[in-house]
Every structure is written in structure tokens, then in C-alpha cells.
């Protein structure tokens, strides 16, 4: 891994830099510490709508996309429950254009009723496509809303419904922008063919004059411990019954998070994984089954989702999943099985770092978590996990009382 340089400007902007002389490009990644969990109550989708509005032009950059494209680059963004991330990929010689444009929209974004109306319409159409017109499109929302009682992870990032998206006013957006879109709430990561001294010269030129936010940021409510199993059943016009089982797990910075990430891989990462071998091939209960962790900063979820074969009752499929979970907690985990998933994780992690844009995004994210340098030791943390750690984590968190189950019945 290339050397990582870190710096903080007086206005609070955190900078992470990694020099890569083997490319002719540079990536400018701007991560804001704001996501769906920060949406105002009753106005879910604000963070995602704000992401759209960030491309509407600013005081000195009338059209953001055009500015980046004229510099020979490309750009995009995404919003999660925790963050909003913007990235620009440009020829290294044109990096100043990207820095200038990002700095301008960080503090001088154009916000008016017309822009809001246009982007609100775009987002509502996206909502219809992704959640109303797609099979199982509401499943994630249903099990999150059931599993979480207080924490805003229970909400959809795109917005819970069209009414809440439409309820977001221009004043809401301006307050949101003034509170969260500022240097002291951002991480700027730069990866590519630009040396640190030159990088800092340009960053200071464009970002040092920007002021820290004076806006108010709402504290996030802590989700209480789940002490009783929760179940929900719905009927939808889909082709196959499905089951979703979710358990509360620690957040990304917790020492036990790598164990639970590996638990999900042991369960369903690859054709030889436990759930796929036992429940799709041997018992023939599912035609598809998967497991994953949400990877949230605050305590998140481990999710098992499966689509059952015709004639299989969801209760039978449910019992089969619970049986495999119990085996993981009580039975032996062969060394080769654990090493296999650790090796897969390490391979995927190292592959991701060969992509400059992905690497820049991950550096910014790990800086937000505490220190971008921790990315270098991440695979080491996973290699240290042993069988006892896996069984302990499964026994501690994958309990019936900590589980929420959604039956998604086809009609």
C-alpha cells in the first residue's frame, strides 16, 4: 500500500493523500459526515435529495458536470445511511479544476425553489422505480422498520414515502446544507499522480478560505437492546415466497465487527458456504439464499435473506436457517473453512485498493472512522480472528431474542 499523508486545515477539513506515480489520473473524493440517519423527523430522504442538489451549480461553477467534463474527467456520488460521498476522476494535470469546483459547492451552492422542484421530481421517480415497481423493493424497509424502534436506520435513505420527500422545503434544505456541508464535517481524500506538497498547495488555496459550519446538528438516538424476537408477515404480488432474518450487531469500529462479517461469509459467501450447501443443494429448500452485514457506523444488522422453492413453507425454511445458526454457535468450525473466508476477504480488499477511485473513497471513510491509516491493518484484524471468536460472536449476537423475521408471502 502506498504511503498515506494526513493533514487538518484550521477550518476542520481533514485531508488524506496517497501518491500513485503509476497512473496519469487523480481522484478527488469528498466525503460528508451526513447520511440518511441525519434526515429531519418526518422528512426522510433529505440527505439523498441534497446529493442531487449538489450537482445544480454554485456561485462560480454554473454547471458542475460540465466543469469536470471539460477538464477531461467524470464524477458521481452516492448516499448511505451514514455518509454522502462525491468523487471526481480527472487527468492529474487538471486536478485543480476538481478542487475548485468541490470547494465552490461546499460553501456556495445555488439553492432555489426551481432546483428543488426539479430534483424532488427526479427523486420521486427514482423512488417509484426502486421501491414501488421492483419486486421485493420494500423488503429492506419492512425489516428495518421492525428491527429498529428508535434509531433512524429504520428509515429508507431515499425516503420512506413520496409524501415525506415532498414535505422537504427549501428552508429544510438550506438548513441541512448549512449544518452539514462544511469543511469541519468533511474528509477530502486525493489519490493519484500528484505529490503531497503540490496537493496541499492547491487544497489550501481553494479550501482554506471556507468557513466552518455554524449550523445545528441533531444527535442520533441510540437503539435500545432488543430483548424479544420480532416477526412481521406481508403479502405481495411477487413470484416466490421469501424470508428475511436480521440480527442487531455492533458498528464498524467495534472489535467484534470483523467476527460477524466473517460469520456472514461462512454462512453464505460462495457455493460451498453453509447455507448454500445445506439449504439449497442438500435439503432443497431455497433456490437462492444469502447473508451479509450492513457495515454501518452505528450498530447495524446481519441479514440472511432467502427465496424458497415452490411448495416449501416459510416456517420450515425459517427453522432450517435457525438450525444452521445454532450449528455455527455450538459446533466446530474447521480451520480450512475459516481460512477460506478470510482469504476471500483479503483478496477482495486488496483488489479494491488497485482502483484509485475505490481506494480514495475507502481512505476517506476510514479517516471518518478515526484514522485512514487503519485501512492498512484491516486485513490483519481479520486474520487474527479464530474459531473461538466466531463461535462467541455467533452465540452472543445471533440469538432468537435479538432476531427480527420478515415473511414475504407471494400472492
Protein backbone atom coordinates (compact mmCIF):
# COMPACT_ATOMS: atom_id res chain seq x y z
CA UNK A 1 0.00 0.00 0.00
CA UNK A 2 1.29 3.47 -0.87
CA UNK A 3 2.18 5.91 1.89
CA UNK A 4 -0.73 7.85 3.36
CA UNK A 5 -0.40 11.52 4.27
CA UNK A 6 -2.89 13.21 6.60
CA UNK A 7 -3.49 16.86 7.42
CA UNK A 8 -6.20 19.02 9.01
CA UNK A 9 -6.87 22.61 7.95
CA UNK A 10 -7.70 25.26 10.58
CA UNK A 11 -11.33 25.21 9.42
CA UNK A 12 -11.56 21.49 10.32
CA UNK A 13 -11.28 19.93 6.86
CA UNK A 14 -9.49 16.58 7.08
CA UNK A 15 -7.23 15.73 4.13
CA UNK A 16 -5.91 12.29 3.22
CA UNK A 17 -3.45 11.87 0.36
CA UNK A 18 -1.80 8.93 -1.39
CA UNK A 19 0.65 9.40 -4.25
CA UNK A 20 0.46 6.96 -7.16
CA UNK A 21 3.01 7.67 -9.91
CA UNK A 22 1.81 4.68 -11.97
CA UNK A 23 -1.27 6.49 -13.22
CA UNK A 24 -1.97 9.68 -15.14
CA UNK A 25 -5.17 10.41 -13.25
CA UNK A 26 -6.11 11.83 -9.88
CA UNK A 27 -9.19 11.18 -7.81
CA UNK A 28 -10.72 13.89 -5.64
CA UNK A 29 -13.10 12.29 -3.14
CA UNK A 30 -15.19 14.47 -0.83
CA UNK A 31 -16.97 12.62 1.96
CA UNK A 32 -19.50 14.44 4.14
CA UNK A 33 -20.32 13.08 7.57
CA UNK A 34 -24.05 13.09 6.88
CA UNK A 35 -26.45 10.49 5.56
CA UNK A 36 -29.97 9.20 5.84
CA UNK A 37 -29.72 8.87 9.61
CA UNK A 38 -29.45 12.67 9.84
CA UNK A 39 -32.71 13.38 7.99
CA UNK A 40 -35.19 15.63 9.83
CA UNK A 41 -38.01 13.73 11.51
CA UNK A 42 -40.89 13.18 9.10
CA UNK A 43 -38.77 14.31 6.14
CA UNK A 44 -36.80 11.20 5.25
CA UNK A 45 -34.82 11.38 2.02
CA UNK A 46 -33.31 14.79 2.77
CA UNK A 47 -29.69 13.57 2.53
CA UNK A 48 -30.34 11.85 -0.78
CA UNK A 49 -32.19 14.88 -2.17
CA UNK A 50 -29.28 17.07 -1.05
CA UNK A 51 -26.92 14.84 -3.03
CA UNK A 52 -28.91 15.56 -6.19
CA UNK A 53 -28.97 19.29 -5.49
CA UNK A 54 -25.18 19.38 -5.15
CA UNK A 55 -24.92 18.99 -8.93
CA UNK A 56 -27.07 22.04 -9.64
CA UNK A 57 -24.28 24.59 -9.78
CA UNK A 58 -22.71 27.02 -7.36
CA UNK A 59 -21.71 30.69 -7.27
CA UNK A 60 -18.68 30.32 -9.56
CA UNK A 61 -19.43 26.94 -11.18
CA UNK A 62 -22.77 27.24 -13.02
CA UNK A 63 -22.75 23.59 -14.14
CA UNK A 64 -20.69 21.17 -12.08
CA UNK A 65 -20.81 18.27 -14.55
CA UNK A 66 -19.72 20.48 -17.45
CA UNK A 67 -16.76 21.84 -15.48
CA UNK A 68 -15.48 18.34 -14.70
CA UNK A 69 -16.16 17.01 -18.20
CA UNK A 70 -14.35 19.96 -19.79
CA UNK A 71 -11.35 19.01 -17.67
CA UNK A 72 -11.44 15.52 -19.21
CA UNK A 73 -12.98 13.95 -16.14
CA UNK A 74 -16.05 12.20 -14.79
CA UNK A 75 -17.88 12.40 -11.49
CA UNK A 76 -20.62 10.84 -9.42
CA UNK A 77 -21.92 10.48 -5.87
CA UNK A 78 -23.83 8.20 -3.53
CA UNK A 79 -25.66 8.48 -0.24
CA UNK A 80 -25.86 5.86 2.53
CA UNK A 81 -27.41 5.90 5.96
CA UNK A 82 -24.12 7.28 7.35
CA UNK A 83 -22.40 9.35 4.66
CA UNK A 84 -22.71 11.22 1.40
CA UNK A 85 -19.74 10.70 -0.90
CA UNK A 86 -18.75 12.64 -4.04
CA UNK A 87 -15.89 11.75 -6.34
CA UNK A 88 -14.20 13.26 -9.38
CA UNK A 89 -11.78 11.37 -11.63
CA UNK A 90 -9.67 13.73 -13.72
CA UNK A 91 -6.31 13.82 -15.50
CA UNK A 92 -3.80 14.64 -12.78
CA UNK A 93 -2.73 17.80 -14.59
CA UNK A 94 -6.32 19.10 -14.28
CA UNK A 95 -6.85 18.32 -10.61
CA UNK A 96 -7.17 21.99 -9.71
CA UNK A 97 -10.44 22.17 -11.65
CA UNK A 98 -11.94 19.45 -9.47
CA UNK A 99 -10.68 21.06 -6.25
CA UNK A 100 -12.01 24.47 -7.30
CA UNK A 101 -15.42 23.03 -8.19
CA UNK A 102 -15.70 20.95 -4.99
CA UNK A 103 -14.70 23.89 -2.81
CA UNK A 104 -17.22 26.14 -4.50
CA UNK A 105 -20.17 23.83 -3.98
CA UNK A 106 -19.08 23.09 -0.40
CA UNK A 107 -19.89 26.68 0.62
CA UNK A 108 -21.61 28.49 -2.25
CA UNK A 109 -24.22 26.09 -3.62
CA UNK A 110 -27.12 27.54 -5.62
CA UNK A 111 -30.36 26.61 -3.87
CA UNK A 112 -33.75 27.84 -5.03
CA UNK A 113 -37.33 26.63 -5.43
CA UNK A 114 -36.89 25.71 -9.09
CA UNK A 115 -33.85 23.48 -8.44
CA UNK A 116 -35.62 21.85 -5.50
CA UNK A 117 -38.76 21.17 -7.54
CA UNK A 118 -36.80 19.60 -10.39
CA UNK A 119 -34.71 17.34 -8.16
CA UNK A 120 -37.66 16.39 -5.98
CA UNK A 121 -39.41 15.13 -9.13
CA UNK A 122 -36.32 13.16 -10.14
CA UNK A 123 -36.07 11.56 -6.69
CA UNK A 124 -39.76 10.62 -6.56
CA UNK A 125 -39.45 8.85 -9.93
CA UNK A 126 -36.36 7.05 -8.63
CA UNK A 127 -38.35 6.07 -5.53
CA UNK A 128 -41.10 4.56 -7.68
CA UNK A 129 -38.63 2.58 -9.78
CA UNK A 130 -36.58 1.23 -6.87
CA UNK A 131 -39.26 0.68 -4.24
CA UNK A 132 -42.74 0.52 -5.77
CA UNK A 133 -42.16 -1.06 -9.17
CA UNK A 134 -39.44 -3.56 -8.27
CA UNK A 135 -40.22 -6.97 -6.76
CA UNK A 136 -39.26 -7.14 -3.06
CA UNK A 137 -38.41 -3.43 -3.26
CA UNK A 138 -39.89 -2.72 0.15
CA UNK A 139 -38.38 -5.72 1.99
CA UNK A 140 -35.39 -3.86 3.42
CA UNK A 141 -37.62 -1.05 4.67
CA UNK A 142 -40.03 -3.52 6.27
CA UNK A 143 -37.43 -5.46 8.26
CA UNK A 144 -35.51 -2.33 9.21
CA UNK A 145 -38.67 -0.61 10.43
CA UNK A 146 -39.43 -3.72 12.52
CA UNK A 147 -35.91 -4.30 13.84
CA UNK A 148 -35.27 -0.65 14.78
CA UNK A 149 -37.67 1.13 17.10
CA UNK A 150 -35.76 4.40 17.65
CA UNK A 151 -32.60 4.65 15.55
CA UNK A 152 -33.07 6.34 12.13
CA UNK A 153 -31.55 3.31 10.40
CA UNK A 154 -35.22 2.27 10.35
CA UNK A 155 -35.80 4.76 7.53
CA UNK A 156 -35.17 4.46 3.82
CA UNK A 157 -32.24 6.57 2.65
CA UNK A 158 -34.17 7.58 -0.47
CA UNK A 159 -37.16 8.47 1.72
CA UNK A 160 -39.83 6.39 3.43
CA UNK A 161 -42.52 7.51 1.02
CA UNK A 162 -43.26 10.17 -1.58
CA UNK A 163 -45.21 12.27 0.92
CA UNK A 164 -42.14 12.66 3.15
CA UNK A 165 -39.93 13.52 0.17
CA UNK A 166 -42.44 16.16 -0.96
CA UNK A 167 -42.58 17.56 2.58
CA UNK A 168 -38.96 18.73 2.36
CA UNK A 169 -39.00 22.51 1.90
CA UNK A 170 -36.37 24.90 0.62
CA UNK A 171 -35.81 26.11 4.18
CA UNK A 172 -35.23 22.49 5.26
CA UNK A 173 -32.65 22.03 2.52
CA UNK A 174 -30.87 25.29 3.28
CA UNK A 175 -30.69 24.45 6.99
CA UNK A 176 -29.45 20.95 6.15
CA UNK A 177 -26.78 22.32 3.81
CA UNK A 178 -25.62 24.95 6.28
CA UNK A 179 -25.41 22.39 9.08
CA UNK A 180 -23.65 19.51 7.35
CA UNK A 181 -21.97 20.75 4.17
CA UNK A 182 -18.91 22.46 5.56
CA UNK A 183 -15.17 21.78 5.86
CA UNK A 184 -15.38 20.73 9.52
CA UNK A 185 -17.85 17.97 8.60
CA UNK A 186 -15.94 16.63 5.58
CA UNK A 187 -12.99 14.47 4.61
CA UNK A 188 -11.15 15.23 1.38
CA UNK A 189 -9.10 12.34 0.02
CA UNK A 190 -6.84 12.62 -3.02
CA UNK A 191 -5.26 9.65 -4.75
CA UNK A 192 -3.21 9.70 -7.92
CA UNK A 193 -0.27 11.24 -9.71
CA UNK A 194 0.15 14.34 -7.58
CA UNK A 195 2.71 14.73 -4.82
CA UNK A 196 1.71 15.78 -1.33
CA UNK A 197 3.33 19.22 -1.36
CA UNK A 198 1.61 20.22 -4.59
CA UNK A 199 -1.62 18.66 -3.40
CA UNK A 200 -1.60 20.70 -0.18
CA UNK A 201 -0.72 23.87 -2.06
CA UNK A 202 -3.90 23.52 -4.15
CA UNK A 203 -6.09 22.32 -1.28
CA UNK A 204 -5.09 25.26 0.89
CA UNK A 205 -5.66 27.66 -2.00
CA UNK A 206 -9.27 26.59 -2.53
CA UNK A 207 -10.44 25.22 0.83
CA UNK A 208 -8.65 27.31 3.46
CA UNK A 209 -10.88 30.38 2.87
CA UNK A 210 -14.04 28.36 3.60
CA UNK A 211 -15.65 28.81 6.99
CA UNK A 212 -16.63 26.03 9.38
CA UNK A 213 -20.33 25.47 9.87
CA UNK A 214 -22.33 27.32 12.46
CA UNK A 215 -25.35 25.09 11.89
CA UNK A 216 -27.01 22.81 14.40
CA UNK A 217 -26.54 19.05 14.09
CA UNK A 218 -29.06 16.72 15.66
CA UNK A 219 -27.80 13.94 17.92
CA UNK A 220 -28.63 10.37 16.86
CA UNK A 221 -30.80 8.34 19.23
CA UNK A 222 -29.25 5.10 20.49
CA UNK A 223 -31.23 1.96 19.71
CA UNK A 224 -32.16 0.03 22.89
CA UNK A 225 -31.24 -3.63 23.17
CA UNK A 226 -33.75 -5.97 21.55
CA UNK A 227 -34.86 -8.49 24.17
CA UNK A 228 -37.68 -10.28 22.36
CA UNK A 229 -38.00 -11.86 18.92
CA UNK A 230 -39.97 -9.80 16.41
CA UNK A 231 -41.89 -11.08 13.40
CA UNK A 232 -43.76 -9.49 10.54
CA UNK A 233 -45.62 -11.08 7.64
CA UNK A 234 -46.74 -9.37 4.42
CA UNK A 235 -48.29 -10.41 1.13
CA UNK A 236 -47.09 -9.03 -2.18
CA UNK A 237 -47.52 -9.69 -5.89
CA UNK A 238 -44.22 -11.50 -6.40
CA UNK A 239 -43.27 -14.84 -7.90
CA UNK A 240 -41.79 -16.60 -4.85
CA UNK A 241 -42.05 -16.53 -1.08
CA UNK A 242 -39.06 -15.01 0.69
CA UNK A 243 -37.76 -14.85 4.22
CA UNK A 244 -35.53 -12.24 5.81
CA UNK A 245 -33.92 -12.74 9.21
CA UNK A 246 -31.88 -9.93 10.78
CA UNK A 247 -29.89 -9.63 13.98
CA UNK A 248 -28.52 -6.50 15.64
CA UNK A 249 -24.70 -6.40 15.56
CA UNK A 250 -22.03 -3.85 16.60
CA UNK A 251 -20.91 -0.95 14.42
CA UNK A 252 -17.84 -0.75 12.20
CA UNK A 253 -15.41 0.33 14.90
CA UNK A 254 -16.31 -2.43 17.34
CA UNK A 255 -13.69 -5.13 17.97
CA UNK A 256 -16.26 -7.86 17.25
CA UNK A 257 -17.35 -6.46 13.89
CA UNK A 258 -14.79 -8.48 11.83
CA UNK A 259 -16.01 -11.67 13.53
CA UNK A 260 -19.60 -11.04 12.48
CA UNK A 261 -18.57 -10.03 8.98
CA UNK A 262 -16.81 -13.39 8.71
CA UNK A 263 -19.85 -15.14 10.21
CA UNK A 264 -21.93 -13.86 7.29
CA UNK A 265 -19.27 -15.15 4.87
CA UNK A 266 -19.17 -18.58 6.49
CA UNK A 267 -22.93 -18.73 6.19
CA UNK A 268 -23.31 -17.72 2.54
CA UNK A 269 -20.21 -16.45 0.73
CA UNK A 270 -19.65 -18.85 -2.16
CA UNK A 271 -21.21 -22.06 -3.46
CA UNK A 272 -19.56 -24.15 -0.73
CA UNK A 273 -20.81 -21.96 2.12
CA UNK A 274 -23.01 -23.50 4.79
CA UNK A 275 -26.43 -22.15 3.86
CA UNK A 276 -25.93 -22.75 0.15
CA UNK A 277 -24.58 -26.25 0.61
CA UNK A 278 -27.10 -27.38 3.20
CA UNK A 279 -30.28 -25.49 2.31
CA UNK A 280 -30.11 -25.08 -1.46
CA UNK A 281 -28.23 -28.22 -2.52
CA UNK A 282 -28.89 -30.87 0.12
CA UNK A 283 -32.30 -30.02 1.59
CA UNK A 284 -33.52 -28.11 -1.49
CA UNK A 285 -35.49 -25.54 0.46
CA UNK A 286 -34.23 -22.41 -1.29
CA UNK A 287 -33.34 -21.56 -4.85
CA UNK A 288 -31.34 -18.58 -3.56
CA UNK A 289 -30.03 -17.63 -0.13
CA UNK A 290 -27.52 -15.04 1.01
CA UNK A 291 -26.07 -13.40 4.11
CA UNK A 292 -24.41 -10.04 4.66
CA UNK A 293 -23.71 -7.34 7.19
CA UNK A 294 -24.83 -3.75 6.69
CA UNK A 295 -21.43 -2.35 7.75
CA UNK A 296 -22.99 0.70 9.39
CA UNK A 297 -21.04 3.07 11.63
CA UNK A 298 -23.61 2.75 14.41
CA UNK A 299 -24.76 -0.74 15.44
CA UNK A 300 -26.14 -2.39 12.31
CA UNK A 301 -27.58 -5.69 11.15
CA UNK A 302 -26.52 -9.13 9.97
CA UNK A 303 -29.04 -10.20 7.33
CA UNK A 304 -29.96 -13.63 5.98
CA UNK A 305 -32.31 -13.49 3.00
CA UNK A 306 -33.68 -16.44 1.09
CA UNK A 307 -36.15 -17.21 -1.70
CA UNK A 308 -37.86 -20.56 -1.18
CA UNK A 309 -38.69 -23.22 -3.74
CA UNK A 310 -42.35 -23.89 -4.65
CA UNK A 311 -44.12 -26.00 -2.04
CA UNK A 312 -41.78 -25.05 0.80
CA UNK A 313 -43.45 -23.40 3.79
CA UNK A 314 -41.75 -20.31 5.19
CA UNK A 315 -41.93 -21.80 8.70
CA UNK A 316 -39.93 -24.83 7.52
CA UNK A 317 -37.38 -22.57 5.81
CA UNK A 318 -37.17 -20.46 8.96
CA UNK A 319 -36.43 -23.49 11.15
CA UNK A 320 -33.74 -24.63 8.74
CA UNK A 321 -31.94 -21.27 8.92
CA UNK A 322 -32.15 -21.27 12.71
CA UNK A 323 -30.69 -24.78 12.79
CA UNK A 324 -27.66 -23.68 10.76
CA UNK A 325 -27.20 -20.64 13.03
CA UNK A 326 -27.24 -22.92 16.06
CA UNK A 327 -24.62 -25.19 14.49
CA UNK A 328 -22.38 -22.16 13.98
CA UNK A 329 -22.71 -21.21 17.65
CA UNK A 330 -22.28 -24.68 19.13
CA UNK A 331 -20.42 -26.78 16.57
CA UNK A 332 -16.85 -26.89 15.37
CA UNK A 333 -15.59 -24.54 12.67
CA UNK A 334 -12.83 -26.27 10.70
CA UNK A 335 -9.67 -24.22 10.27
CA UNK A 336 -9.84 -24.51 6.46
CA UNK A 337 -13.39 -23.08 6.46
CA UNK A 338 -12.33 -20.01 8.43
CA UNK A 339 -9.15 -19.51 6.39
CA UNK A 340 -11.17 -19.72 3.18
CA UNK A 341 -13.41 -16.79 4.06
CA UNK A 342 -10.51 -14.76 5.47
CA UNK A 343 -8.56 -15.30 2.26
CA UNK A 344 -11.56 -14.25 0.19
CA UNK A 345 -11.92 -11.09 2.25
CA UNK A 346 -8.24 -10.26 1.90
CA UNK A 347 -8.30 -10.88 -1.85
CA UNK A 348 -11.33 -8.64 -2.35
CA UNK A 349 -9.85 -5.96 -0.12
CA UNK A 350 -6.53 -5.88 -1.97
CA UNK A 351 -8.29 -5.87 -5.33
CA UNK A 352 -10.38 -2.86 -4.31
CA UNK A 353 -7.23 -0.93 -3.49
CA UNK A 354 -5.99 -1.28 -7.07
CA UNK A 355 -8.83 1.02 -8.18
CA UNK A 356 -7.88 4.62 -7.44
CA UNK A 357 -11.45 5.82 -7.02
CA UNK A 358 -12.37 2.98 -4.69
CA UNK A 359 -9.16 3.47 -2.73
CA UNK A 360 -9.82 7.20 -2.34
CA UNK A 361 -13.34 6.51 -1.07
CA UNK A 362 -12.10 3.94 1.43
CA UNK A 363 -9.35 6.24 2.70
CA UNK A 364 -11.92 8.97 3.33
CA UNK A 365 -14.25 6.54 5.06
CA UNK A 366 -11.55 5.18 7.36
CA UNK A 367 -10.45 8.71 8.18
CA UNK A 368 -14.04 9.41 9.19
CA UNK A 369 -13.96 6.29 11.37
CA UNK A 370 -10.84 7.58 13.09
CA UNK A 371 -7.67 7.15 11.03
CA UNK A 372 -7.17 6.43 7.33
CA UNK A 373 -4.01 4.56 8.29
CA UNK A 374 -6.17 1.83 9.86
CA UNK A 375 -7.05 0.67 6.35
CA UNK A 376 -3.53 -0.77 6.07
CA UNK A 377 -4.07 -3.03 9.08
CA UNK A 378 -7.63 -4.09 8.23
CA UNK A 379 -6.75 -7.46 6.71
CA UNK A 380 -4.56 -8.16 9.74
CA UNK A 381 -7.57 -7.70 12.01
CA UNK A 382 -9.46 -10.31 10.01
CA UNK A 383 -6.53 -12.74 10.00
CA UNK A 384 -6.44 -12.60 13.80
CA UNK A 385 -10.00 -13.92 14.13
CA UNK A 386 -10.06 -17.53 15.33
CA UNK A 387 -12.70 -20.24 15.73
CA UNK A 388 -13.44 -19.28 19.32
CA UNK A 389 -14.06 -15.66 18.28
CA UNK A 390 -16.51 -16.76 15.58
CA UNK A 391 -18.47 -19.07 17.88
CA UNK A 392 -18.51 -16.47 20.66
CA UNK A 393 -19.82 -13.74 18.32
CA UNK A 394 -22.49 -16.04 16.87
CA UNK A 395 -23.59 -17.19 20.31
CA UNK A 396 -23.67 -13.62 21.65
CA UNK A 397 -25.49 -11.87 18.80
CA UNK A 398 -27.32 -14.45 16.66
CA UNK A 399 -29.84 -15.25 19.36
CA UNK A 400 -33.61 -15.74 18.93
CA UNK A 401 -34.41 -12.74 21.15
CA UNK A 402 -32.14 -10.48 19.06
CA UNK A 403 -33.73 -11.58 15.78
CA UNK A 404 -36.35 -9.96 13.58
CA UNK A 405 -38.01 -12.15 10.93
CA UNK A 406 -39.95 -10.99 7.88
CA UNK A 407 -42.13 -13.43 5.94
CA UNK A 408 -42.66 -12.09 2.42
CA UNK A 409 -45.55 -14.12 1.01
CA UNK A 410 -46.24 -14.34 -2.71
CA UNK A 411 -49.86 -13.94 -3.85
